[in-house]
Amino acid sequence: MTALVGSSLLFLRWVPTYGWFAGTLVAGTLAAALGIYVSQRRRYARSVAGISRGRVDADVVAVMSTSLAVFAVGSIGIYTVLFLPL
């Protein structure tokens, strides 16, 4: 989560160069960080319950959604740098 917030701050530096389109990167990284923050308590409680029963199940949805968010932000960042005119 902290890395996503830090990335959004770095993307803020792109706004003067790339305009409003860089704002999509800021919004995407902040939305992903907010999603992780909101679901953290539920995932923590499930992990604690799993440890007490002796079996912790993987949270496939959380891993896939985080991977999708990172892929989307990375793809938009690459598109911004390579294809948008300065």
PDB file of N, CA and C in Angstrom:
ATOM      1  N   MET A   1       0.823  -1.181   0.000  1.00  0.00           N
ATOM      2  CA  MET A   1       0.000   0.000   0.000  1.00  0.00           C
ATOM      3  C   MET A   1       0.873   1.253   0.000  1.00  0.00           C
ATOM      4  N   THR A   2       1.893   1.273   0.814  1.00  0.00           N
ATOM      5  CA  THR A   2       2.771   2.434   0.885  1.00  0.00           C
ATOM      6  C   THR A   2       3.486   2.666  -0.446  1.00  0.00           C
ATOM      7  N   ALA A   3       3.850   1.582  -1.112  1.00  0.00           N
ATOM      8  CA  ALA A   3       4.518   1.721  -2.411  1.00  0.00           C
ATOM      9  C   ALA A   3       3.578   2.335  -3.440  1.00  0.00           C
ATOM     10  N   LEU A   4       2.307   1.990  -3.388  1.00  0.00           N
ATOM     11  CA  LEU A   4       1.348   2.574  -4.332  1.00  0.00           C
ATOM     12  C   LEU A   4       1.140   4.059  -4.069  1.00  0.00           C
ATOM     13  N   VAL A   5       1.093   4.450  -2.809  1.00  0.00           N
ATOM     14  CA  VAL A   5       0.953   5.870  -2.485  1.00  0.00           C
ATOM     15  C   VAL A   5       2.209   6.624  -2.928  1.00  0.00           C
ATOM     16  N   GLY A   6       3.367   6.037  -2.695  1.00  0.00           N
ATOM     17  CA  GLY A   6       4.613   6.659  -3.152  1.00  0.00           C
ATOM     18  C   GLY A   6       4.663   6.777  -4.666  1.00  0.00           C
ATOM     19  N   SER A   7       4.167   5.766  -5.363  1.00  0.00           N
ATOM     20  CA  SER A   7       4.119   5.832  -6.826  1.00  0.00           C
ATOM     21  C   SER A   7       3.177   6.926  -7.301  1.00  0.00           C
ATOM     22  N   SER A   8       2.057   7.084  -6.613  1.00  0.00           N
ATOM     23  CA  SER A   8       1.130   8.152  -7.020  1.00  0.00           C
ATOM     24  C   SER A   8       1.761   9.522  -6.827  1.00  0.00           C
ATOM     25  N   LEU A   9       2.569   9.668  -5.797  1.00  0.00           N
ATOM     26  CA  LEU A   9       3.267  10.940  -5.604  1.00  0.00           C
ATOM     27  C   LEU A   9       4.290  11.183  -6.709  1.00  0.00           C
ATOM     28  N   LEU A  10       4.950  10.122  -7.159  1.00  0.00           N
ATOM     29  CA  LEU A  10       5.872  10.271  -8.277  1.00  0.00           C
ATOM     30  C   LEU A  10       5.130  10.609  -9.565  1.00  0.00           C
ATOM     31  N   PHE A  11       3.951  10.021  -9.750  1.00  0.00           N
ATOM     32  CA  PHE A  11       3.167  10.324 -10.943  1.00  0.00           C
ATOM     33  C   PHE A  11       2.660  11.760 -10.938  1.00  0.00           C
ATOM     34  N   LEU A  12       2.537  12.359  -9.771  1.00  0.00           N
ATOM     35  CA  LEU A  12       2.142  13.772  -9.710  1.00  0.00           C
ATOM     36  C   LEU A  12       3.161  14.665 -10.415  1.00  0.00           C
ATOM     37  N   ARG A  13       4.410  14.234 -10.430  1.00  0.00           N
ATOM     38  CA  ARG A  13       5.440  15.008 -11.114  1.00  0.00           C
ATOM     39  C   ARG A  13       5.250  14.993 -12.629  1.00  0.00           C
ATOM     40  N   TRP A  14       4.505  14.024 -13.144  1.00  0.00           N
ATOM     41  CA  TRP A  14       4.272  13.921 -14.580  1.00  0.00           C
ATOM     42  C   TRP A  14       3.160  14.851 -15.053  1.00  0.00           C
ATOM     43  N   VAL A  15       2.344  15.354 -14.145  1.00  0.00           N
ATOM     44  CA  VAL A  15       1.187  16.166 -14.533  1.00  0.00           C
ATOM     45  C   VAL A  15       1.593  17.405 -15.335  1.00  0.00           C
ATOM     46  N   PRO A  16       2.619  18.177 -14.958  1.00  0.00           N
ATOM     47  CA  PRO A  16       2.980  19.337 -15.790  1.00  0.00           C
ATOM     48  C   PRO A  16       3.442  18.946 -17.201  1.00  0.00           C
ATOM     49  N   THR A  17       4.030  17.756 -17.351  1.00  0.00           N
ATOM     50  CA  THR A  17       4.541  17.338 -18.651  1.00  0.00           C
ATOM     51  C   THR A  17       3.462  16.701 -19.511  1.00  0.00           C
ATOM     52  N   TYR A  18       2.692  15.765 -18.922  1.00  0.00           N
ATOM     53  CA  TYR A  18       1.730  14.981 -19.695  1.00  0.00           C
ATOM     54  C   TYR A  18       0.284  15.414 -19.498  1.00  0.00           C
ATOM     55  N   GLY A  19       0.041  16.369 -18.640  1.00  0.00           N
ATOM     56  CA  GLY A  19      -1.306  16.904 -18.467  1.00  0.00           C
ATOM     57  C   GLY A  19      -2.241  15.987 -17.696  1.00  0.00           C
ATOM     58  N   TRP A  20      -3.521  16.089 -18.038  1.00  0.00           N
ATOM     59  CA  TRP A  20      -4.558  15.369 -17.300  1.00  0.00           C
ATOM     60  C   TRP A  20      -4.397  13.863 -17.391  1.00  0.00           C
ATOM     61  N   PHE A  21      -3.765  13.351 -18.446  1.00  0.00           N
ATOM     62  CA  PHE A  21      -3.635  11.901 -18.600  1.00  0.00           C
ATOM     63  C   PHE A  21      -2.809  11.287 -17.481  1.00  0.00           C
ATOM     64  N   ALA A  22      -1.838  12.031 -16.962  1.00  0.00           N
ATOM     65  CA  ALA A  22      -1.055  11.539 -15.825  1.00  0.00           C
ATOM     66  C   ALA A  22      -1.927  11.434 -14.580  1.00  0.00           C
ATOM     67  N   GLY A  23      -3.015  12.195 -14.544  1.00  0.00           N
ATOM     68  CA  GLY A  23      -3.954  12.099 -13.431  1.00  0.00           C
ATOM     69  C   GLY A  23      -4.618  10.739 -13.345  1.00  0.00           C
ATOM     70  N   THR A  24      -4.751  10.045 -14.481  1.00  0.00           N
ATOM     71  CA  THR A  24      -5.313   8.691 -14.437  1.00  0.00           C
ATOM     72  C   THR A  24      -4.382   7.745 -13.695  1.00  0.00           C
ATOM     73  N   LEU A  25      -3.091   7.966 -13.835  1.00  0.00           N
ATOM     74  CA  LEU A  25      -2.128   7.150 -13.093  1.00  0.00           C
ATOM     75  C   LEU A  25      -2.208   7.425 -11.595  1.00  0.00           C
ATOM     76  N   VAL A  26      -2.329   8.683 -11.242  1.00  0.00           N
ATOM     77  CA  VAL A  26      -2.451   9.053  -9.834  1.00  0.00           C
ATOM     78  C   VAL A  26      -3.729   8.453  -9.257  1.00  0.00           C
ATOM     79  N   ALA A  27      -4.829   8.594  -9.980  1.00  0.00           N
ATOM     80  CA  ALA A  27      -6.107   8.062  -9.499  1.00  0.00           C
ATOM     81  C   ALA A  27      -6.079   6.540  -9.407  1.00  0.00           C
ATOM     82  N   GLY A  28      -5.452   5.887 -10.376  1.00  0.00           N
ATOM     83  CA  GLY A  28      -5.375   4.425 -10.359  1.00  0.00           C
ATOM     84  C   GLY A  28      -4.570   3.887  -9.192  1.00  0.00           C
ATOM     85  N   THR A  29      -3.424   4.504  -8.929  1.00  0.00           N
ATOM     86  CA  THR A  29      -2.607   4.024  -7.819  1.00  0.00           C
ATOM     87  C   THR A  29      -3.251   4.338  -6.476  1.00  0.00           C
ATOM     88  N   LEU A  30      -3.882   5.502  -6.363  1.00  0.00           N
ATOM     89  CA  LEU A  30      -4.565   5.811  -5.101  1.00  0.00           C
ATOM     90  C   LEU A  30      -5.783   4.916  -4.887  1.00  0.00           C
ATOM     91  N   ALA A  31      -6.498   4.566  -5.949  1.00  0.00           N
ATOM     92  CA  ALA A  31      -7.639   3.656  -5.816  1.00  0.00           C
ATOM     93  C   ALA A  31      -7.188   2.269  -5.394  1.00  0.00           C
ATOM     94  N   ALA A  32      -6.093   1.795  -5.956  1.00  0.00           N
ATOM     95  CA  ALA A  32      -5.572   0.485  -5.559  1.00  0.00           C
ATOM     96  C   ALA A  32      -5.110   0.499  -4.102  1.00  0.00           C
ATOM     97  N   ALA A  33      -4.441   1.572  -3.689  1.00  0.00           N
ATOM     98  CA  ALA A  33      -3.993   1.675  -2.293  1.00  0.00           C
ATOM     99  C   ALA A  33      -5.187   1.745  -1.346  1.00  0.00           C
ATOM    100  N   LEU A  34      -6.229   2.474  -1.734  1.00  0.00           N
ATOM    101  CA  LEU A  34      -7.426   2.553  -0.897  1.00  0.00           C
ATOM    102  C   LEU A  34      -8.117   1.198  -0.792  1.00  0.00           C
ATOM    103  N   GLY A  35      -8.168   0.461  -1.892  1.00  0.00           N
ATOM    104  CA  GLY A  35      -8.750  -0.883  -1.859  1.00  0.00           C
ATOM    105  C   GLY A  35      -7.998  -1.822  -0.933  1.00  0.00           C
ATOM    106  N   ILE A  36      -6.692  -1.737  -0.952  1.00  0.00           N
ATOM    107  CA  ILE A  36      -5.883  -2.563  -0.051  1.00  0.00           C
ATOM    108  C   ILE A  36      -6.115  -2.143   1.395  1.00  0.00           C
ATOM    109  N   TYR A  37      -6.167  -0.851   1.636  1.00  0.00           N
ATOM    110  CA  TYR A  37      -6.365  -0.355   2.996  1.00  0.00           C
ATOM    111  C   TYR A  37      -7.728  -0.762   3.558  1.00  0.00           C
ATOM    112  N   VAL A  38      -8.763  -0.661   2.733  1.00  0.00           N
ATOM    113  CA  VAL A  38     -10.120  -0.983   3.194  1.00  0.00           C
ATOM    114  C   VAL A  38     -10.254  -2.472   3.488  1.00  0.00           C
ATOM    115  N   SER A  39      -9.633  -3.320   2.699  1.00  0.00           N
ATOM    116  CA  SER A  39      -9.784  -4.760   2.895  1.00  0.00           C
ATOM    117  C   SER A  39      -8.763  -5.349   3.861  1.00  0.00           C
ATOM    118  N   GLN A  40      -7.868  -4.548   4.392  1.00  0.00           N
ATOM    119  CA  GLN A  40      -6.800  -5.065   5.250  1.00  0.00           C
ATOM    120  C   GLN A  40      -7.333  -5.709   6.532  1.00  0.00           C
ATOM    121  N   ARG A  41      -8.295  -5.098   7.180  1.00  0.00           N
ATOM    122  CA  ARG A  41      -8.811  -5.644   8.440  1.00  0.00           C
ATOM    123  C   ARG A  41      -9.441  -7.017   8.232  1.00  0.00           C
ATOM    124  N   ARG A  42     -10.206  -7.181   7.154  1.00  0.00           N
ATOM    125  CA  ARG A  42     -10.839  -8.466   6.871  1.00  0.00           C
ATOM    126  C   ARG A  42      -9.795  -9.536   6.593  1.00  0.00           C
ATOM    127  N   ARG A  43      -8.783  -9.199   5.799  1.00  0.00           N
ATOM    128  CA  ARG A  43      -7.740 -10.175   5.490  1.00  0.00           C
ATOM    129  C   ARG A  43      -6.916 -10.527   6.726  1.00  0.00           C
ATOM    130  N   TYR A  44      -6.663  -9.548   7.579  1.00  0.00           N
ATOM    131  CA  TYR A  44      -5.915  -9.802   8.807  1.00  0.00           C
ATOM    132  C   TYR A  44      -6.709 -10.719   9.735  1.00  0.00           C
ATOM    133  N   ALA A  45      -8.004 -10.451   9.886  1.00  0.00           N
ATOM    134  CA  ALA A  45      -8.843 -11.286  10.758  1.00  0.00           C
ATOM    135  C   ALA A  45      -8.922 -12.713  10.228  1.00  0.00           C
ATOM    136  N   ARG A  46      -9.011 -12.872   8.914  1.00  0.00           N
ATOM    137  CA  ARG A  46      -9.055 -14.220   8.344  1.00  0.00           C
ATOM    138  C   ARG A  46      -7.733 -14.949   8.557  1.00  0.00           C
ATOM    139  N   SER A  47      -6.623 -14.241   8.471  1.00  0.00           N
ATOM    140  CA  SER A  47      -5.327 -14.871   8.712  1.00  0.00           C
ATOM    141  C   SER A  47      -5.170 -15.288  10.168  1.00  0.00           C
ATOM    142  N   VAL A  48      -5.627 -14.456  11.086  1.00  0.00           N
ATOM    143  CA  VAL A  48      -5.552 -14.805  12.508  1.00  0.00           C
ATOM    144  C   VAL A  48      -6.399 -16.041  12.798  1.00  0.00           C
ATOM    145  N   ALA A  49      -7.602 -16.091  12.228  1.00  0.00           N
ATOM    146  CA  ALA A  49      -8.458 -17.261  12.415  1.00  0.00           C
ATOM    147  C   ALA A  49      -7.822 -18.502  11.805  1.00  0.00           C
ATOM    148  N   GLY A  50      -7.168 -18.356  10.673  1.00  0.00           N
ATOM    149  CA  GLY A  50      -6.503 -19.486  10.040  1.00  0.00           C
ATOM    150  C   GLY A  50      -5.328 -19.990  10.847  1.00  0.00           C
ATOM    151  N   ILE A  51      -4.596 -19.086  11.465  1.00  0.00           N
ATOM    152  CA  ILE A  51      -3.466 -19.501  12.299  1.00  0.00           C
ATOM    153  C   ILE A  51      -3.965 -20.248  13.529  1.00  0.00           C
ATOM    154  N   SER A  52      -5.060 -19.788  14.119  1.00  0.00           N
ATOM    155  CA  SER A  52      -5.582 -20.459  15.304  1.00  0.00           C
ATOM    156  C   SER A  52      -6.140 -21.835  14.970  1.00  0.00           C
ATOM    157  N   ARG A  53      -6.659 -22.049  13.747  1.00  0.00           N
ATOM    158  CA  ARG A  53      -7.129 -23.381  13.379  1.00  0.00           C
ATOM    159  C   ARG A  53      -6.022 -24.250  12.809  1.00  0.00           C
ATOM    160  N   GLY A  54      -4.884 -23.651  12.508  1.00  0.00           N
ATOM    161  CA  GLY A  54      -3.758 -24.416  11.998  1.00  0.00           C
ATOM    162  C   GLY A  54      -3.727 -24.531  10.489  1.00  0.00           C
ATOM    163  N   ARG A  55      -4.555 -23.765   9.801  1.00  0.00           N
ATOM    164  CA  ARG A  55      -4.577 -23.813   8.341  1.00  0.00           C
ATOM    165  C   ARG A  55      -4.951 -22.436   7.797  1.00  0.00           C
ATOM    166  N   VAL A  56      -4.053 -21.862   7.020  1.00  0.00           N
ATOM    167  CA  VAL A  56      -4.281 -20.551   6.427  1.00  0.00           C
ATOM    168  C   VAL A  56      -4.448 -20.743   4.922  1.00  0.00           C
ATOM    169  N   ASP A  57      -5.588 -20.305   4.396  1.00  0.00           N
ATOM    170  CA  ASP A  57      -5.847 -20.412   2.961  1.00  0.00           C
ATOM    171  C   ASP A  57      -5.344 -19.162   2.252  1.00  0.00           C
ATOM    172  N   ALA A  58      -4.890 -19.363   1.039  1.00  0.00           N
ATOM    173  CA  ALA A  58      -4.417 -18.234   0.238  1.00  0.00           C
ATOM    174  C   ALA A  58      -5.594 -17.373  -0.202  1.00  0.00           C
ATOM    175  N   ASP A  59      -5.379 -16.066  -0.244  1.00  0.00           N
ATOM    176  CA  ASP A  59      -6.407 -15.136  -0.694  1.00  0.00           C
ATOM    177  C   ASP A  59      -6.147 -14.824  -2.165  1.00  0.00           C
ATOM    178  N   VAL A  60      -6.688 -15.664  -3.022  1.00  0.00           N
ATOM    179  CA  VAL A  60      -6.428 -15.563  -4.456  1.00  0.00           C
ATOM    180  C   VAL A  60      -7.006 -14.270  -5.034  1.00  0.00           C
ATOM    181  N   VAL A  61      -8.160 -13.855  -4.555  1.00  0.00           N
ATOM    182  CA  VAL A  61      -8.792 -12.635  -5.076  1.00  0.00           C
ATOM    183  C   VAL A  61      -7.921 -11.414  -4.788  1.00  0.00           C
ATOM    184  N   ALA A  62      -7.366 -11.334  -3.586  1.00  0.00           N
ATOM    185  CA  ALA A  62      -6.522 -10.186  -3.243  1.00  0.00           C
ATOM    186  C   ALA A  62      -5.252 -10.155  -4.092  1.00  0.00           C
ATOM    187  N   VAL A  63      -4.660 -11.318  -4.301  1.00  0.00           N
ATOM    188  CA  VAL A  63      -3.434 -11.375  -5.106  1.00  0.00           C
ATOM    189  C   VAL A  63      -3.731 -11.015  -6.559  1.00  0.00           C
ATOM    190  N   MET A  64      -4.818 -11.549  -7.095  1.00  0.00           N
ATOM    191  CA  MET A  64      -5.153 -11.271  -8.488  1.00  0.00           C
ATOM    192  C   MET A  64      -5.548  -9.799  -8.694  1.00  0.00           C
ATOM    193  N   SER A  65      -6.294  -9.232  -7.770  1.00  0.00           N
ATOM    194  CA  SER A  65      -6.699  -7.830  -7.935  1.00  0.00           C
ATOM    195  C   SER A  65      -5.504  -6.888  -7.802  1.00  0.00           C
ATOM    196  N   THR A  66      -4.587  -7.185  -6.897  1.00  0.00           N
ATOM    197  CA  THR A  66      -3.384  -6.364  -6.778  1.00  0.00           C
ATOM    198  C   THR A  66      -2.517  -6.494  -8.026  1.00  0.00           C
ATOM    199  N   SER A  67      -2.388  -7.714  -8.538  1.00  0.00           N
ATOM    200  CA  SER A  67      -1.615  -7.921  -9.762  1.00  0.00           C
ATOM    201  C   SER A  67      -2.235  -7.195 -10.941  1.00  0.00           C
ATOM    202  N   LEU A  68      -3.550  -7.250 -11.043  1.00  0.00           N
ATOM    203  CA  LEU A  68      -4.243  -6.553 -12.132  1.00  0.00           C
ATOM    204  C   LEU A  68      -4.067  -5.040 -12.029  1.00  0.00           C
ATOM    205  N   ALA A  69      -4.146  -4.508 -10.815  1.00  0.00           N
ATOM    206  CA  ALA A  69      -3.971  -3.062 -10.623  1.00  0.00           C
ATOM    207  C   ALA A  69      -2.560  -2.627 -10.993  1.00  0.00           C
ATOM    208  N   VAL A  70      -1.561  -3.394 -10.576  1.00  0.00           N
ATOM    209  CA  VAL A  70      -0.175  -3.042 -10.892  1.00  0.00           C
ATOM    210  C   VAL A  70       0.067  -3.144 -12.396  1.00  0.00           C
ATOM    211  N   PHE A  71      -0.492  -4.174 -13.026  1.00  0.00           N
ATOM    212  CA  PHE A  71      -0.346  -4.322 -14.475  1.00  0.00           C
ATOM    213  C   PHE A  71      -1.007  -3.159 -15.217  1.00  0.00           C
ATOM    214  N   ALA A  72      -2.200  -2.772 -14.783  1.00  0.00           N
ATOM    215  CA  ALA A  72      -2.919  -1.683 -15.449  1.00  0.00           C
ATOM    216  C   ALA A  72      -2.175  -0.365 -15.306  1.00  0.00           C
ATOM    217  N   VAL A  73      -1.715  -0.060 -14.109  1.00  0.00           N
ATOM    218  CA  VAL A  73      -0.985   1.196 -13.899  1.00  0.00           C
ATOM    219  C   VAL A  73       0.334   1.184 -14.668  1.00  0.00           C
ATOM    220  N   GLY A  74       1.011   0.059 -14.685  1.00  0.00           N
ATOM    221  CA  GLY A  74       2.254  -0.042 -15.446  1.00  0.00           C
ATOM    222  C   GLY A  74       2.032   0.121 -16.933  1.00  0.00           C
ATOM    223  N   SER A  75       0.970  -0.485 -17.451  1.00  0.00           N
ATOM    224  CA  SER A  75       0.657  -0.362 -18.876  1.00  0.00           C
ATOM    225  C   SER A  75       0.314   1.072 -19.250  1.00  0.00           C
ATOM    226  N   ILE A  76      -0.473   1.727 -18.421  1.00  0.00           N
ATOM    227  CA  ILE A  76      -0.816   3.128 -18.696  1.00  0.00           C
ATOM    228  C   ILE A  76       0.427   4.003 -18.602  1.00  0.00           C
ATOM    229  N   GLY A  77       1.319   3.706 -17.658  1.00  0.00           N
ATOM    230  CA  GLY A  77       2.564   4.468 -17.540  1.00  0.00           C
ATOM    231  C   GLY A  77       3.454   4.309 -18.753  1.00  0.00           C
ATOM    232  N   ILE A  78       3.568   3.086 -19.251  1.00  0.00           N
ATOM    233  CA  ILE A  78       4.373   2.854 -20.449  1.00  0.00           C
ATOM    234  C   ILE A  78       3.758   3.559 -21.657  1.00  0.00           C
ATOM    235  N   TYR A  79       2.434   3.480 -21.772  1.00  0.00           N
ATOM    236  CA  TYR A  79       1.752   4.184 -22.867  1.00  0.00           C
ATOM    237  C   TYR A  79       1.997   5.689 -22.768  1.00  0.00           C
ATOM    238  N   THR A  80       1.937   6.222 -21.564  1.00  0.00           N
ATOM    239  CA  THR A  80       2.138   7.665 -21.369  1.00  0.00           C
ATOM    240  C   THR A  80       3.526   8.089 -21.829  1.00  0.00           C
ATOM    241  N   VAL A  81       4.530   7.346 -21.450  1.00  0.00           N
ATOM    242  CA  VAL A  81       5.903   7.734 -21.760  1.00  0.00           C
ATOM    243  C   VAL A  81       6.227   7.527 -23.244  1.00  0.00           C
ATOM    244  N   LEU A  82       5.733   6.436 -23.832  1.00  0.00           N
ATOM    245  CA  LEU A  82       6.118   6.118 -25.198  1.00  0.00           C
ATOM    246  C   LEU A  82       5.269   6.784 -26.262  1.00  0.00           C
ATOM    247  N   PHE A  83       3.980   6.973 -26.014  1.00  0.00           N
ATOM    248  CA  PHE A  83       3.100   7.383 -27.092  1.00  0.00           C
ATOM    249  C   PHE A  83       2.482   8.765 -26.961  1.00  0.00           C
ATOM    250  N   LEU A  84       2.507   9.365 -25.796  1.00  0.00           N
ATOM    251  CA  LEU A  84       1.965  10.714 -25.676  1.00  0.00           C
ATOM    252  C   LEU A  84       3.038  11.737 -26.033  1.00  0.00           C
ATOM    253  N   PRO A  85       2.676  12.731 -26.832  1.00  0.00           N
ATOM    254  CA  PRO A  85       3.669  13.754 -27.181  1.00  0.00           C
ATOM    255  C   PRO A  85       3.970  14.653 -25.984  1.00  0.00           C
ATOM    256  N   LEU A  86       5.185  15.122 -25.931  1.00  0.00           N
ATOM    257  CA  LEU A  86       5.599  16.019 -24.856  1.00  0.00           C
ATOM    258  C   LEU A  86       5.099  17.421 -25.063  1.00  0.00           C
TER     259      LEU A  86
END
